[in-house]
Amino acid sequence: MDIYIRNKEDLIRAVKENGIIPFFANDIKGFSLEENCDPKV
């Protein structure tokens, strides 16, 4: 998954492109909001 969440628009785009994105890390490395959010935000 090639996403990087910096703002609301990034999140909306990621969900539209991928259908669903879990909030927290899981068995699929890199497939969660937690792993793809800008840590500075």
C-alpha atoms as a PDB file:
ATOM      1  CA  MET A   1       0.000   0.000   0.000  1.00  0.00           C
ATOM      2  CA  ASP A   2       1.501   3.284  -1.087  1.00  0.00           C
ATOM      3  CA  ILE A   3      -0.243   5.920   1.058  1.00  0.00           C
ATOM      4  CA  TYR A   4       0.766   8.551   3.523  1.00  0.00           C
ATOM      5  CA  ILE A   5      -1.922  10.180   5.649  1.00  0.00           C
ATOM      6  CA  ARG A   6      -1.266  13.843   6.419  1.00  0.00           C
ATOM      7  CA  ASN A   7      -4.790  15.226   6.414  1.00  0.00           C
ATOM      8  CA  LYS A   8      -8.463  14.410   5.946  1.00  0.00           C
ATOM      9  CA  GLU A   9      -8.224  14.463   2.160  1.00  0.00           C
ATOM     10  CA  ASP A  10      -5.408  11.873   2.217  1.00  0.00           C
ATOM     11  CA  LEU A  11      -7.564   9.622   4.393  1.00  0.00           C
ATOM     12  CA  ILE A  12     -10.585   9.937   2.109  1.00  0.00           C
ATOM     13  CA  ARG A  13      -8.458   9.170  -0.964  1.00  0.00           C
ATOM     14  CA  ALA A  14      -6.884   6.123   0.709  1.00  0.00           C
ATOM     15  CA  VAL A  15     -10.262   4.689   1.696  1.00  0.00           C
ATOM     16  CA  LYS A  16     -11.677   5.270  -1.802  1.00  0.00           C
ATOM     17  CA  GLU A  17      -8.666   3.567  -3.401  1.00  0.00           C
ATOM     18  CA  ASN A  18      -8.425   0.638  -0.963  1.00  0.00           C
ATOM     19  CA  GLY A  19     -12.029   0.202   0.177  1.00  0.00           C
ATOM     20  CA  ILE A  20     -11.211  -0.184   3.853  1.00  0.00           C
ATOM     21  CA  ILE A  21      -8.239   0.597   6.033  1.00  0.00           C
ATOM     22  CA  PRO A  22      -7.905  -0.662   9.624  1.00  0.00           C
ATOM     23  CA  PHE A  23      -7.088   1.958  12.249  1.00  0.00           C
ATOM     24  CA  PHE A  24      -4.357  -0.060  13.986  1.00  0.00           C
ATOM     25  CA  ALA A  25      -1.434  -2.262  12.939  1.00  0.00           C
ATOM     26  CA  ASN A  26      -2.363  -5.870  12.184  1.00  0.00           C
ATOM     27  CA  ASP A  27      -1.003  -9.024  10.568  1.00  0.00           C
ATOM     28  CA  ILE A  28      -0.650  -7.262   7.200  1.00  0.00           C
ATOM     29  CA  LYS A  29       2.426  -5.061   7.509  1.00  0.00           C
ATOM     30  CA  GLY A  30       1.816  -1.495   6.372  1.00  0.00           C
ATOM     31  CA  PHE A  31      -1.970  -1.904   6.036  1.00  0.00           C
ATOM     32  CA  SER A  32      -3.299   0.442   8.710  1.00  0.00           C
ATOM     33  CA  LEU A  33      -3.799   4.110   9.377  1.00  0.00           C
ATOM     34  CA  GLU A  34      -1.507   3.858  12.376  1.00  0.00           C
ATOM     35  CA  GLU A  35       1.434   2.808  10.169  1.00  0.00           C
ATOM     36  CA  ASN A  36       0.764   5.343   7.432  1.00  0.00           C
ATOM     37  CA  CYS A  37       0.079   8.541   9.352  1.00  0.00           C
ATOM     38  CA  ASP A  38       2.498  11.402   9.659  1.00  0.00           C
ATOM     39  CA  PRO A  39       3.831  11.091  13.241  1.00  0.00           C
ATOM     40  CA  LYS A  40       4.116  14.883  13.476  1.00  0.00           C
ATOM     41  CA  VAL A  41       0.369  15.391  13.088  1.00  0.00           C
END
